[in-house]
Protein backbone atom coordinates (compact mmCIF):
# COMPACT_ATOMS: atom_id res chain seq x y z
CA UNK A 1 -5.13 -20.99 -20.17
CA UNK A 2 -3.60 -19.34 -17.07
CA UNK A 3 -2.10 -20.47 -13.79
CA UNK A 4 -1.46 -18.52 -10.58
CA UNK A 5 2.01 -18.97 -9.07
CA UNK A 6 2.26 -18.25 -5.33
CA UNK A 7 4.81 -15.79 -4.19
CA UNK A 8 3.88 -15.33 -0.52
CA UNK A 9 1.52 -17.53 1.54
CA UNK A 10 -1.19 -16.40 3.97
CA UNK A 11 1.13 -17.38 6.79
CA UNK A 12 4.15 -15.37 5.47
CA UNK A 13 1.96 -12.37 4.92
CA UNK A 14 0.38 -12.57 8.34
CA UNK A 15 3.76 -12.90 10.05
CA UNK A 16 5.19 -9.90 8.14
CA UNK A 17 2.15 -7.68 8.70
CA UNK A 18 2.48 -8.31 12.45
CA UNK A 19 6.17 -7.38 12.34
CA UNK A 20 5.37 -4.17 10.47
CA UNK A 21 2.58 -3.27 12.95
CA UNK A 22 4.99 -3.92 15.85
CA UNK A 23 7.67 -1.78 14.26
CA UNK A 24 5.31 1.11 13.54
CA UNK A 25 4.02 1.10 17.10
CA UNK A 26 7.53 0.96 18.52
CA UNK A 27 8.65 3.92 16.30
CA UNK A 28 5.56 5.96 17.21
CA UNK A 29 6.34 5.47 20.89
CA UNK A 30 2.93 6.47 22.31
CA UNK A 31 2.62 9.45 20.05
CA UNK A 32 -0.68 10.04 18.18
CA UNK A 33 -0.60 9.23 14.46
CA UNK A 34 -3.00 8.69 11.63
CA UNK A 35 -2.85 5.80 9.25
CA UNK A 36 -3.99 6.62 5.75
CA UNK A 37 -4.67 3.89 3.19
CA UNK A 38 -4.53 4.49 -0.57
CA UNK A 39 -7.44 2.47 -1.97
CA UNK A 40 -8.33 0.03 -3.46
CA UNK A 41 -5.36 -2.30 -3.52
CA UNK A 42 -4.25 -1.68 0.12
CA UNK A 43 -7.54 -2.33 1.80
CA UNK A 44 -6.84 -5.89 2.92
CA UNK A 45 -3.32 -5.08 4.02
CA UNK A 46 -4.46 -1.97 5.76
CA UNK A 47 -7.18 -3.86 7.63
CA UNK A 48 -4.79 -6.54 8.76
CA UNK A 49 -2.16 -3.98 9.73
CA UNK A 50 -4.42 -1.94 11.97
CA UNK A 51 -5.90 -5.10 13.58
CA UNK A 52 -2.34 -6.30 14.35
CA UNK A 53 -1.65 -3.21 16.41
CA UNK A 54 -1.99 -3.25 20.20
CA UNK A 55 -3.08 0.43 20.42
CA UNK A 56 -6.70 1.15 20.55
CA UNK A 57 -6.70 4.89 19.75
CA UNK A 58 -5.54 4.78 16.11
CA UNK A 59 -7.09 7.29 13.66
CA UNK A 60 -7.59 6.09 10.15
CA UNK A 61 -8.50 7.67 6.83
CA UNK A 62 -8.46 6.94 3.07
CA UNK A 63 -7.41 8.42 -0.12
CA UNK A 64 -7.90 6.92 -3.59
CA UNK A 65 -5.87 7.32 -6.73
CA UNK A 66 -5.88 5.81 -10.18
CA UNK A 67 -2.92 5.31 -12.38
CA UNK A 68 -3.21 1.92 -14.03
CA UNK A 69 -4.52 0.92 -17.38
CA UNK A 70 -4.48 -2.93 -17.71
CA UNK A 71 -1.09 -4.15 -16.53
CA UNK A 72 0.91 -0.91 -16.69
CA UNK A 73 0.98 2.46 -15.07
CA UNK A 74 -0.47 5.21 -17.29
CA UNK A 75 1.90 7.76 -15.70
CA UNK A 76 -1.02 10.01 -14.96
CA UNK A 77 -2.21 9.95 -11.38
CA UNK A 78 -5.81 10.98 -10.58
CA UNK A 79 -7.01 11.67 -7.08
CA UNK A 80 -10.45 10.11 -6.78
CA UNK A 81 -10.95 10.46 -3.03
CA UNK A 82 -9.38 13.00 -0.64
CA UNK A 83 -8.87 12.71 3.13
CA UNK A 84 -11.83 13.47 5.37
CA UNK A 85 -9.80 13.94 8.63
CA UNK A 86 -7.90 17.04 9.43
CA UNK A 87 -4.28 15.81 9.64
CA UNK A 88 -2.62 19.20 9.96
CA UNK A 89 0.36 19.04 12.39
CA UNK A 90 -0.18 15.27 12.89
CA UNK A 91 2.11 12.34 12.20
CA UNK A 92 0.84 10.32 9.27
CA UNK A 93 1.74 6.95 7.96
CA UNK A 94 0.61 6.42 4.36
CA UNK A 95 -0.16 2.77 3.58
CA UNK A 96 0.28 1.48 0.02
CA UNK A 97 -0.15 -1.92 -1.48
CA UNK A 98 2.68 -1.75 -3.95
CA UNK A 99 5.28 0.75 -5.08
CA UNK A 100 6.73 0.09 -8.53
CA UNK A 101 7.37 3.28 -10.60
CA UNK A 102 7.05 5.40 -7.40
CA UNK A 103 4.93 8.00 -9.40
CA UNK A 104 1.78 7.48 -7.33
CA UNK A 105 3.57 7.71 -4.06
CA UNK A 106 5.50 10.75 -5.10
CA UNK A 107 2.27 12.42 -6.20
CA UNK A 108 0.55 11.57 -2.95
CA UNK A 109 3.48 12.80 -0.86
CA UNK A 110 3.45 16.17 -2.65
CA UNK A 111 -0.30 16.51 -2.55
CA UNK A 112 -0.74 15.55 1.07
CA UNK A 113 2.11 17.79 2.23
CA UNK A 114 0.81 20.80 0.27
CA UNK A 115 -2.91 20.36 0.85
CA UNK A 116 -3.04 18.90 4.39
CA UNK A 117 0.28 20.00 5.98
CA UNK A 118 0.98 16.99 8.31
CA UNK A 119 3.74 17.31 10.93
CA UNK A 120 5.51 14.27 9.56
CA UNK A 121 4.86 11.59 6.97
CA UNK A 122 6.17 8.00 6.74
CA UNK A 123 5.40 5.30 4.28
CA UNK A 124 4.40 1.69 4.73
CA UNK A 125 4.23 -0.57 1.65
CA UNK A 126 3.32 -4.22 1.34
CA UNK A 127 5.29 -4.77 -1.77
CA UNK A 128 8.29 -2.94 -3.25
CA UNK A 129 9.18 -3.45 -6.79
CA UNK A 130 12.49 -1.50 -7.19
CA UNK A 131 13.15 -2.62 -10.76
CA UNK A 132 10.39 -0.41 -12.11
CA UNK A 133 11.33 2.71 -10.18
CA UNK A 134 11.14 5.95 -12.13
CA UNK A 135 11.40 8.36 -9.16
CA UNK A 136 13.26 8.31 -5.93
CA UNK A 137 10.92 7.46 -3.04
CA UNK A 138 11.89 6.40 0.37
CA UNK A 139 9.75 3.77 2.23
CA UNK A 140 10.02 3.49 5.97
CA UNK A 141 8.28 0.09 6.26
CA UNK A 142 8.47 -2.56 3.51
CA UNK A 143 6.65 -5.92 3.72
CA UNK A 144 8.37 -7.70 0.81
CA UNK A 145 10.52 -6.88 -2.21
CA UNK A 146 9.33 -8.47 -5.42
CA UNK A 147 10.76 -8.98 -8.87
CA UNK A 148 9.03 -7.60 -11.91
CA UNK A 149 5.87 -9.70 -11.75
CA UNK A 150 2.31 -8.40 -12.12
CA UNK A 151 1.16 -9.50 -8.70
CA UNK A 152 -2.36 -10.36 -7.61
CA UNK A 153 -4.17 -11.30 -4.45
CA UNK A 154 -4.42 -9.91 -0.95
CA UNK A 155 -6.08 -6.87 -2.33
CA UNK A 156 -4.13 -6.53 -5.52
CA UNK A 157 -6.01 -6.98 -8.74
CA UNK A 158 -5.92 -7.71 -12.42
CA UNK A 159 -8.71 -5.84 -14.06
CA UNK A 160 -10.54 -5.71 -10.68
CA UNK A 161 -10.32 -9.54 -10.27
CA UNK A 162 -8.33 -11.75 -7.89
CA UNK A 163 -8.25 -9.16 -4.95
CA UNK A 164 -9.91 -11.81 -2.75
CA UNK A 165 -7.08 -14.42 -2.95
CA UNK A 166 -5.67 -14.86 0.62
CA UNK A 167 -2.06 -15.04 -0.80
CA UNK A 168 0.01 -13.06 -3.25
CA UNK A 169 0.89 -14.50 -6.60
CA UNK A 170 1.20 -13.78 -10.21
CA UNK A 171 -0.53 -15.00 -13.43
CA UNK A 172 1.27 -17.20 -15.90
CA UNK A 173 -0.05 -17.83 -19.32
CA UNK A 174 -2.99 -15.85 -20.80
CA UNK A 175 -5.97 -14.89 -18.80
CA UNK A 176 -9.26 -14.54 -20.68
CA UNK A 177 -12.61 -13.66 -19.21
């Protein structure tokens, strides 16, 4: 039997997402920029983030990577979708759902800089889990810092389930399908 313990409510998330959107817009100061989401986990956060912005001329794109097997990172990052926009010489904000080991973000930074040559890159993450960090990555915008829980909800999954929860929580007990 399992139970879901809530970490962040819908209201807490909505408030923090709006604060992040405001800070990004302030920092970009009317300059053009492209928001890039790393799918799948960030899709809800990304949608709410861009809808919280006042600007109407935002460009968006998507990349997709895989690195998880069950509850832990495999350490091997596979690109499964590349950018479709030309971001050369543009400011880019990469949006992630969670940074734990930092390996995926490090891989994406290196790949995007080499292959697409943006003018500048910044990083926005909903959840930062520093206790798991294996590489030094700097995030410019952080929603929440979390302890070492396997989090679900608000786009984050466990075996492709629980993404639809409107809050962020973690499973306790044993989950069986």
